C-alpha cells in the first residue's frame, strides 16, 4: 500500500475498496505522532493494563520484551501495541520524567540550539566569557568582594562565564 515518506501514513489508491479504513488508520496515527507525549522511555516490558492511546519509547533494556528495537514508538491501540519508527525531528514529551526529547537518529534530551531569544533579544549565543574574581586594589571591601565572587561563581555554574 502506498504511504507518505516521513510518517508512513497510508495513502488512498484509485479504485481502492474500504477507503474509510485507510483514512481512519491515517487519522489514528496522526493523533499519536503529531503531538507526541509518551508515558515513559524506561519501561522494560509492555504494561499489563495500558490506557487507550498510551505510548512508550522502547528502551535498550526492553527491546526483547517489546519485540522491537530500542527507540521505537509503541502505541496502544485498544487491542494491541502498534510499532512506529520515529521520524527525524520528531519531538516527544516524556511524562514520567517531565523532559522533552528530539529524535535525530536516536532520542536526545540535549537540543542542538544556537542561542535563546527572550523578549526579542538573543542571549546565550556566544561562548562564555572569562571574568577574573576580584583581587588587588588599595582598599578592601570584604562584603563587596564576597558578593562579586558569589555572582561570578553563579554565572560560571550556569555556563555564562568561564
N, C-alpha and C. Protein backbone atom coordinates (compact mmCIF):
# COMPACT_ATOMS: atom_id res chain seq x y z
N UNK A 1 0.84 -1.17 0.00
CA UNK A 1 0.00 0.00 0.00
C UNK A 1 0.89 1.24 0.00
N UNK A 2 0.60 2.23 -0.84
CA UNK A 2 1.41 3.44 -0.85
C UNK A 2 1.27 4.21 0.47
N UNK A 3 2.35 4.90 0.84
CA UNK A 3 2.33 5.65 2.10
C UNK A 3 3.17 6.91 1.97
N UNK A 4 2.97 7.85 2.92
CA UNK A 4 3.73 9.09 2.91
C UNK A 4 5.18 8.80 3.28
N UNK A 5 6.07 9.68 2.82
CA UNK A 5 7.50 9.45 3.01
C UNK A 5 7.95 9.59 4.46
N UNK A 6 7.53 10.64 5.17
CA UNK A 6 8.06 10.90 6.51
C UNK A 6 7.37 10.10 7.62
N UNK A 7 6.06 10.12 7.68
CA UNK A 7 5.36 9.47 8.79
C UNK A 7 4.79 8.11 8.42
N UNK A 8 4.89 7.71 7.16
CA UNK A 8 4.40 6.41 6.75
C UNK A 8 2.89 6.28 6.84
N UNK A 9 2.17 7.39 6.62
CA UNK A 9 0.71 7.34 6.68
C UNK A 9 0.18 6.68 5.41
N UNK A 10 -0.84 5.83 5.53
CA UNK A 10 -1.37 5.15 4.34
C UNK A 10 -2.06 6.14 3.41
N UNK A 11 -1.82 5.97 2.11
CA UNK A 11 -2.45 6.81 1.09
C UNK A 11 -3.56 6.03 0.41
N UNK A 12 -4.59 6.74 -0.01
CA UNK A 12 -5.67 6.10 -0.76
C UNK A 12 -5.20 5.81 -2.17
N UNK A 13 -5.67 4.71 -2.72
CA UNK A 13 -5.33 4.32 -4.09
C UNK A 13 -6.58 4.38 -4.94
N UNK A 14 -6.42 4.66 -6.22
CA UNK A 14 -7.55 4.69 -7.15
C UNK A 14 -8.23 3.32 -7.17
N UNK A 15 -9.54 3.32 -7.07
CA UNK A 15 -10.29 2.08 -7.11
C UNK A 15 -10.21 1.24 -5.85
N UNK A 16 -9.63 1.78 -4.81
CA UNK A 16 -9.46 1.04 -3.56
C UNK A 16 -10.80 0.87 -2.84
N UNK A 17 -11.05 -0.32 -2.35
CA UNK A 17 -12.23 -0.56 -1.53
C UNK A 17 -11.92 -0.21 -0.08
N UNK A 18 -12.95 0.02 0.69
CA UNK A 18 -12.84 0.34 2.12
C UNK A 18 -11.88 1.51 2.38
N UNK A 19 -12.08 2.60 1.65
CA UNK A 19 -11.23 3.78 1.83
C UNK A 19 -11.34 4.34 3.24
N UNK A 20 -12.50 4.14 3.85
CA UNK A 20 -12.69 4.65 5.21
C UNK A 20 -11.72 3.99 6.19
N UNK A 21 -11.38 2.74 5.98
CA UNK A 21 -10.44 2.04 6.86
C UNK A 21 -9.05 2.67 6.75
N UNK A 22 -8.61 2.90 5.53
CA UNK A 22 -7.30 3.52 5.30
C UNK A 22 -7.25 4.92 5.89
N UNK A 23 -8.32 5.68 5.66
CA UNK A 23 -8.39 7.06 6.17
C UNK A 23 -8.37 7.07 7.70
N UNK A 24 -9.15 6.19 8.31
CA UNK A 24 -9.19 6.13 9.77
C UNK A 24 -7.85 5.72 10.36
N UNK A 25 -7.15 4.80 9.70
CA UNK A 25 -5.82 4.39 10.16
C UNK A 25 -4.86 5.58 10.13
N UNK A 26 -4.91 6.36 9.07
CA UNK A 26 -4.04 7.53 8.96
C UNK A 26 -4.35 8.54 10.06
N UNK A 27 -5.63 8.78 10.33
CA UNK A 27 -6.01 9.72 11.39
C UNK A 27 -5.56 9.23 12.76
N UNK A 28 -5.69 7.94 13.01
CA UNK A 28 -5.26 7.37 14.30
C UNK A 28 -3.76 7.55 14.49
N UNK A 29 -2.98 7.34 13.44
CA UNK A 29 -1.53 7.51 13.55
C UNK A 29 -1.17 8.97 13.76
N UNK A 30 -1.84 9.87 13.03
CA UNK A 30 -1.59 11.31 13.22
C UNK A 30 -1.90 11.73 14.65
N UNK A 31 -2.96 11.18 15.22
CA UNK A 31 -3.37 11.51 16.57
C UNK A 31 -2.26 11.26 17.58
N UNK A 32 -1.43 10.26 17.33
CA UNK A 32 -0.35 9.94 18.26
C UNK A 32 0.98 10.57 17.88
N UNK A 33 1.24 10.72 16.61
CA UNK A 33 2.58 11.13 16.18
C UNK A 33 2.79 12.64 16.14
N UNK A 34 1.72 13.43 15.96
CA UNK A 34 1.90 14.87 15.78
C UNK A 34 2.20 15.58 17.10
N UNK A 35 1.42 15.37 18.12
CA UNK A 35 1.66 15.98 19.43
C UNK A 35 2.05 14.85 20.38
N UNK A 36 3.25 14.34 20.19
CA UNK A 36 3.68 13.11 20.86
C UNK A 36 3.97 13.32 22.34
N UNK A 37 3.25 12.60 23.17
CA UNK A 37 3.50 12.56 24.61
C UNK A 37 3.59 11.08 24.98
N UNK A 38 4.74 10.66 25.48
CA UNK A 38 4.93 9.26 25.84
C UNK A 38 4.84 9.09 27.35
N UNK A 39 4.34 7.95 27.77
CA UNK A 39 4.23 7.66 29.20
C UNK A 39 5.62 7.53 29.80
N UNK A 40 6.50 6.78 29.11
CA UNK A 40 7.83 6.52 29.65
C UNK A 40 8.77 6.07 28.53
N UNK A 41 10.05 6.20 28.81
CA UNK A 41 11.07 5.63 27.91
C UNK A 41 11.93 4.61 28.66
N UNK A 42 11.44 4.17 29.83
CA UNK A 42 12.21 3.24 30.65
C UNK A 42 11.47 1.94 30.96
N UNK A 43 10.27 1.75 30.43
CA UNK A 43 9.51 0.53 30.72
C UNK A 43 10.18 -0.66 30.04
N UNK A 44 10.70 -1.58 30.83
CA UNK A 44 11.44 -2.73 30.30
C UNK A 44 10.53 -3.74 29.62
N UNK A 45 9.23 -3.66 29.88
CA UNK A 45 8.26 -4.56 29.26
C UNK A 45 6.95 -3.81 29.08
N UNK A 46 6.10 -4.26 28.17
CA UNK A 46 4.81 -3.59 27.99
C UNK A 46 3.98 -3.64 29.27
N UNK A 47 3.31 -2.53 29.62
CA UNK A 47 2.46 -2.53 30.81
C UNK A 47 1.31 -3.53 30.66
N UNK A 48 0.86 -4.07 31.78
CA UNK A 48 -0.21 -5.07 31.76
C UNK A 48 -1.58 -4.45 31.48
N UNK A 49 -1.80 -3.21 31.90
CA UNK A 49 -3.10 -2.57 31.71
C UNK A 49 -2.91 -1.15 31.17
N UNK A 50 -2.50 -1.02 29.91
CA UNK A 50 -2.30 0.32 29.36
C UNK A 50 -3.63 1.03 29.12
N UNK A 51 -3.59 2.35 29.20
CA UNK A 51 -4.77 3.16 28.89
C UNK A 51 -4.83 3.38 27.38
N UNK A 52 -6.03 3.59 26.84
CA UNK A 52 -6.13 3.85 25.40
C UNK A 52 -5.24 5.04 25.00
N UNK A 53 -4.46 4.85 23.95
CA UNK A 53 -3.59 5.91 23.45
C UNK A 53 -2.24 6.00 24.13
N UNK A 54 -1.98 5.16 25.13
CA UNK A 54 -0.66 5.20 25.78
C UNK A 54 0.44 4.94 24.76
N UNK A 55 1.54 5.63 24.93
CA UNK A 55 2.68 5.48 24.03
C UNK A 55 3.94 5.36 24.87
N UNK A 56 4.85 4.50 24.46
CA UNK A 56 6.13 4.30 25.13
C UNK A 56 7.24 4.32 24.10
N UNK A 57 8.42 4.75 24.53
CA UNK A 57 9.63 4.62 23.72
C UNK A 57 10.34 3.37 24.24
N UNK A 58 10.64 2.44 23.36
CA UNK A 58 11.29 1.19 23.77
C UNK A 58 12.71 1.49 24.24
N UNK A 59 13.05 1.13 25.49
CA UNK A 59 14.42 1.33 25.97
C UNK A 59 15.33 0.20 25.48
N UNK A 60 16.62 0.42 25.51
CA UNK A 60 17.57 -0.61 25.08
C UNK A 60 17.39 -1.89 25.88
N UNK A 61 17.14 -1.75 27.18
CA UNK A 61 16.99 -2.92 28.04
C UNK A 61 15.67 -3.65 27.82
N UNK A 62 14.75 -3.05 27.08
CA UNK A 62 13.44 -3.67 26.88
C UNK A 62 13.17 -4.13 25.47
N UNK A 63 14.17 -4.06 24.60
CA UNK A 63 13.95 -4.41 23.19
C UNK A 63 13.42 -5.83 23.02
N UNK A 64 13.93 -6.77 23.78
CA UNK A 64 13.48 -8.16 23.64
C UNK A 64 12.03 -8.31 24.12
N UNK A 65 11.71 -7.71 25.26
CA UNK A 65 10.35 -7.83 25.81
C UNK A 65 9.31 -7.15 24.92
N UNK A 66 9.68 -6.01 24.36
CA UNK A 66 8.76 -5.29 23.47
C UNK A 66 8.73 -5.91 22.07
N UNK A 67 9.78 -6.62 21.71
CA UNK A 67 9.86 -7.21 20.37
C UNK A 67 10.16 -6.20 19.28
N UNK A 68 10.76 -5.08 19.67
CA UNK A 68 11.10 -4.01 18.73
C UNK A 68 12.44 -3.42 19.13
N UNK A 69 13.14 -2.79 18.18
CA UNK A 69 14.43 -2.18 18.53
C UNK A 69 14.27 -0.98 19.47
N UNK A 70 15.32 -0.68 20.20
CA UNK A 70 15.33 0.48 21.10
C UNK A 70 15.02 1.74 20.30
N UNK A 71 14.25 2.64 20.91
CA UNK A 71 13.90 3.90 20.27
C UNK A 71 12.58 3.87 19.52
N UNK A 72 12.03 2.67 19.30
CA UNK A 72 10.76 2.54 18.58
C UNK A 72 9.62 3.08 19.44
N UNK A 73 8.66 3.72 18.80
CA UNK A 73 7.45 4.18 19.49
C UNK A 73 6.45 3.03 19.51
N UNK A 74 5.92 2.73 20.69
CA UNK A 74 4.91 1.68 20.83
C UNK A 74 3.63 2.34 21.31
N UNK A 75 2.57 2.24 20.51
CA UNK A 75 1.31 2.92 20.78
C UNK A 75 0.22 1.88 21.02
N UNK A 76 -0.47 2.00 22.17
CA UNK A 76 -1.55 1.07 22.49
C UNK A 76 -2.79 1.48 21.70
N UNK A 77 -3.31 0.57 20.88
CA UNK A 77 -4.46 0.85 20.02
C UNK A 77 -5.74 0.19 20.53
N UNK A 78 -5.79 -0.13 21.80
CA UNK A 78 -7.00 -0.71 22.38
C UNK A 78 -6.99 -2.23 22.41
N UNK A 79 -6.43 -2.85 21.39
CA UNK A 79 -6.39 -4.31 21.38
C UNK A 79 -4.97 -4.85 21.19
N UNK A 80 -4.02 -3.95 21.01
CA UNK A 80 -2.64 -4.38 20.83
C UNK A 80 -1.72 -3.19 20.64
N UNK A 81 -0.43 -3.48 20.65
CA UNK A 81 0.59 -2.44 20.50
C UNK A 81 0.95 -2.28 19.03
N UNK A 82 1.01 -1.04 18.58
CA UNK A 82 1.44 -0.73 17.21
C UNK A 82 2.82 -0.10 17.29
N UNK A 83 3.75 -0.60 16.50
CA UNK A 83 5.11 -0.07 16.47
C UNK A 83 5.21 0.99 15.38
N UNK A 84 5.87 2.09 15.71
CA UNK A 84 6.12 3.16 14.74
C UNK A 84 7.56 3.62 14.88
N UNK A 85 8.24 3.75 13.76
CA UNK A 85 9.61 4.29 13.78
C UNK A 85 9.51 5.81 13.84
N UNK A 86 10.22 6.46 14.76
CA UNK A 86 10.16 7.92 14.84
C UNK A 86 10.82 8.57 13.64
N UNK A 87 10.31 9.73 13.26
CA UNK A 87 10.87 10.49 12.14
C UNK A 87 11.91 11.47 12.66
N UNK A 88 12.88 11.79 11.83
CA UNK A 88 13.90 12.79 12.20
C UNK A 88 13.20 14.11 12.49
N UNK A 89 13.56 14.72 13.61
CA UNK A 89 12.96 15.98 14.01
C UNK A 89 11.73 15.83 14.87
N UNK A 90 11.28 14.60 15.10
CA UNK A 90 10.10 14.39 15.93
C UNK A 90 10.42 14.74 17.38
N UNK A 91 9.48 15.39 18.03
CA UNK A 91 9.64 15.85 19.41
C UNK A 91 8.65 15.09 20.28
N UNK A 92 9.10 14.70 21.47
CA UNK A 92 8.24 13.96 22.39
C UNK A 92 8.38 14.50 23.80
N UNK A 93 7.25 14.61 24.48
CA UNK A 93 7.23 14.90 25.91
C UNK A 93 7.23 13.56 26.63
N UNK A 94 8.19 13.35 27.53
CA UNK A 94 8.23 12.13 28.33
C UNK A 94 7.59 12.48 29.67
N UNK A 95 6.37 12.00 29.88
CA UNK A 95 5.57 12.43 31.03
C UNK A 95 6.17 12.06 32.38
N UNK A 96 6.69 10.85 32.53
CA UNK A 96 7.18 10.45 33.85
C UNK A 96 8.48 11.14 34.24
N UNK A 97 9.17 11.77 33.28
CA UNK A 97 10.40 12.50 33.57
C UNK A 97 10.23 14.01 33.46
N UNK A 98 9.19 14.44 32.76
CA UNK A 98 8.99 15.87 32.55
C UNK A 98 10.05 16.49 31.65
N UNK A 99 10.54 15.73 30.66
CA UNK A 99 11.55 16.25 29.74
C UNK A 99 11.05 16.15 28.30
N UNK A 100 11.61 16.99 27.46
CA UNK A 100 11.33 16.95 26.03
C UNK A 100 12.51 16.29 25.34
N UNK A 101 12.22 15.43 24.37
CA UNK A 101 13.25 14.76 23.59
C UNK A 101 13.07 15.12 22.12
N UNK A 102 14.15 15.09 21.39
CA UNK A 102 14.09 15.26 19.94
C UNK A 102 14.77 14.05 19.31
N UNK A 103 14.23 13.59 18.18
CA UNK A 103 14.79 12.41 17.52
C UNK A 103 15.59 12.83 16.30
N UNK A 104 16.82 12.38 16.23
CA UNK A 104 17.67 12.60 15.06
C UNK A 104 18.62 11.41 14.96
N UNK A 105 18.06 10.28 14.60
CA UNK A 105 18.84 9.05 14.58
C UNK A 105 18.81 8.34 15.92
N UNK A 106 18.32 8.98 16.94
CA UNK A 106 18.18 8.47 18.30
C UNK A 106 17.51 9.56 19.12
N UNK A 107 16.92 9.19 20.25
CA UNK A 107 16.26 10.17 21.11
C UNK A 107 17.30 10.90 21.95
N UNK A 108 17.25 12.24 21.93
CA UNK A 108 18.22 13.06 22.66
C UNK A 108 17.50 14.09 23.52
N UNK A 109 17.98 14.27 24.73
CA UNK A 109 17.45 15.32 25.60
C UNK A 109 18.22 16.62 25.40
N UNK A 110 19.38 16.55 24.77
CA UNK A 110 20.19 17.74 24.52
C UNK A 110 19.81 18.30 23.16
N UNK A 111 19.13 19.41 23.17
CA UNK A 111 18.67 20.01 21.93
C UNK A 111 19.78 20.84 21.32
N UNK A 112 20.04 20.68 20.04
CA UNK A 112 21.08 21.49 19.38
C UNK A 112 20.53 22.89 19.08
N UNK A 113 20.83 23.85 19.96
CA UNK A 113 20.36 25.23 19.75
C UNK A 113 21.56 26.16 19.68
N UNK A 114 21.40 27.24 18.95
CA UNK A 114 22.48 28.21 18.79
C UNK A 114 22.36 29.36 19.76
N UNK A 115 21.27 29.46 20.46
CA UNK A 115 21.05 30.55 21.41
C UNK A 115 19.60 30.53 21.85
N UNK A 116 19.23 31.52 22.63
CA UNK A 116 17.88 31.62 23.15
C UNK A 116 17.40 33.06 22.96
N UNK A 117 16.21 33.22 22.42
CA UNK A 117 15.66 34.55 22.21
C UNK A 117 14.63 34.81 23.31
N UNK A 118 14.86 35.87 24.09
CA UNK A 118 13.96 36.27 25.16
C UNK A 118 13.58 37.72 24.92
N UNK A 119 12.29 37.97 24.75
CA UNK A 119 11.82 39.34 24.52
C UNK A 119 12.48 39.99 23.31
N UNK A 120 12.74 39.22 22.27
CA UNK A 120 13.35 39.76 21.06
C UNK A 120 14.86 39.92 21.14
N UNK A 121 15.46 39.59 22.28
CA UNK A 121 16.90 39.74 22.45
C UNK A 121 17.56 38.37 22.48
N UNK A 122 18.59 38.20 21.67
CA UNK A 122 19.30 36.92 21.61
C UNK A 122 20.28 36.84 22.78
N UNK A 123 20.17 35.78 23.58
CA UNK A 123 21.07 35.56 24.71
C UNK A 123 21.67 34.16 24.59
N UNK A 124 22.75 33.93 25.27
CA UNK A 124 23.44 32.65 25.28
C UNK A 124 23.88 32.20 23.89
N UNK A 125 24.13 33.17 23.00
CA UNK A 125 24.51 32.83 21.63
C UNK A 125 26.00 32.99 21.39
N UNK A 126 26.76 33.35 22.40
CA UNK A 126 28.21 33.50 22.26
C UNK A 126 28.88 32.59 23.28
N UNK A 127 30.13 32.24 23.06
CA UNK A 127 30.83 31.42 24.05
C UNK A 127 30.93 32.16 25.39
N UNK A 128 31.00 31.42 26.49
CA UNK A 128 31.13 32.07 27.80
C UNK A 128 32.38 32.94 27.87
N UNK A 129 32.26 34.06 28.58
CA UNK A 129 33.38 34.97 28.77
C UNK A 129 34.14 34.60 30.03
N UNK A 130 35.41 34.95 30.08
CA UNK A 130 36.23 34.71 31.26
C UNK A 130 36.31 36.00 32.06
N UNK A 131 35.92 35.93 33.33
CA UNK A 131 35.97 37.09 34.21
C UNK A 131 36.76 36.70 35.45
N UNK A 132 37.76 37.48 35.76
CA UNK A 132 38.59 37.19 36.93
C UNK A 132 37.84 37.56 38.21
N UNK A 133 38.07 36.78 39.25
CA UNK A 133 37.50 37.10 40.56
C UNK A 133 38.16 38.37 41.08
N UNK A 134 37.46 39.16 41.89
CA UNK A 134 38.04 40.40 42.39
C UNK A 134 39.27 40.14 43.26
N UNK A 135 40.31 40.95 43.03
CA UNK A 135 41.52 40.86 43.84
C UNK A 135 42.31 42.15 43.68
N UNK A 136 43.24 42.39 44.57
CA UNK A 136 44.10 43.57 44.48
C UNK A 136 43.36 44.84 44.88
N UNK A 137 43.94 45.99 44.51
CA UNK A 137 43.36 47.28 44.85
C UNK A 137 43.94 47.82 46.14
N UNK A 138 43.69 49.10 46.39
CA UNK A 138 44.24 49.73 47.58
C UNK A 138 43.31 49.66 48.77
N UNK A 139 42.00 49.58 48.54
CA UNK A 139 41.09 49.43 49.67
C UNK A 139 40.31 48.13 49.48
N UNK A 140 40.12 47.43 50.57
CA UNK A 140 39.47 46.13 50.50
C UNK A 140 38.10 46.24 51.17
N UNK A 141 37.07 45.84 50.41
CA UNK A 141 35.72 45.78 50.95
C UNK A 141 35.33 44.30 50.92
N UNK A 142 35.44 43.64 52.06
CA UNK A 142 35.23 42.19 52.13
C UNK A 142 33.83 41.79 51.67
N UNK A 143 32.79 42.56 52.05
CA UNK A 143 31.42 42.22 51.66
C UNK A 143 31.23 42.34 50.15
N UNK A 144 31.79 43.40 49.54
CA UNK A 144 31.66 43.59 48.10
C UNK A 144 32.39 42.47 47.36
N UNK A 145 33.58 42.13 47.84
CA UNK A 145 34.33 41.04 47.20
C UNK A 145 33.57 39.71 47.31
N UNK A 146 32.99 39.45 48.46
CA UNK A 146 32.23 38.22 48.64
C UNK A 146 31.02 38.18 47.72
N UNK A 147 30.33 39.31 47.58
CA UNK A 147 29.17 39.38 46.68
C UNK A 147 29.58 39.18 45.24
N UNK A 148 30.66 39.84 44.81
CA UNK A 148 31.13 39.69 43.43
C UNK A 148 31.62 38.27 43.18
N UNK A 149 32.30 37.68 44.13
CA UNK A 149 32.77 36.30 43.97
C UNK A 149 31.59 35.34 43.85
N UNK A 150 30.54 35.57 44.64
CA UNK A 150 29.34 34.72 44.56
C UNK A 150 28.65 34.90 43.22
N UNK A 151 28.60 36.14 42.72
CA UNK A 151 27.99 36.40 41.41
C UNK A 151 28.77 35.71 40.30
N UNK A 152 30.09 35.84 40.32
CA UNK A 152 30.94 35.18 39.32
C UNK A 152 30.76 33.67 39.39
N UNK A 153 30.72 33.10 40.59
CA UNK A 153 30.55 31.66 40.75
C UNK A 153 29.20 31.20 40.20
N UNK A 154 28.15 31.98 40.46
CA UNK A 154 26.82 31.61 39.96
C UNK A 154 26.78 31.67 38.43
N UNK A 155 27.38 32.68 37.84
CA UNK A 155 27.41 32.79 36.37
C UNK A 155 28.26 31.68 35.75
N UNK A 156 29.34 31.29 36.44
CA UNK A 156 30.15 30.17 35.95
C UNK A 156 29.37 28.87 36.03
N UNK A 157 28.62 28.68 37.10
CA UNK A 157 27.83 27.46 37.26
C UNK A 157 26.76 27.34 36.17
N UNK A 158 26.26 28.47 35.68
CA UNK A 158 25.27 28.47 34.60
C UNK A 158 25.91 28.39 33.22
N UNK A 159 27.24 28.41 33.17
CA UNK A 159 27.93 28.32 31.89
C UNK A 159 28.03 29.64 31.16
N UNK A 160 27.70 30.74 31.84
CA UNK A 160 27.76 32.05 31.20
C UNK A 160 29.15 32.66 31.26
N UNK A 161 29.94 32.26 32.25
CA UNK A 161 31.32 32.72 32.39
C UNK A 161 32.23 31.51 32.53
N UNK A 162 33.48 31.71 32.15
CA UNK A 162 34.47 30.65 32.34
C UNK A 162 35.14 30.80 33.67
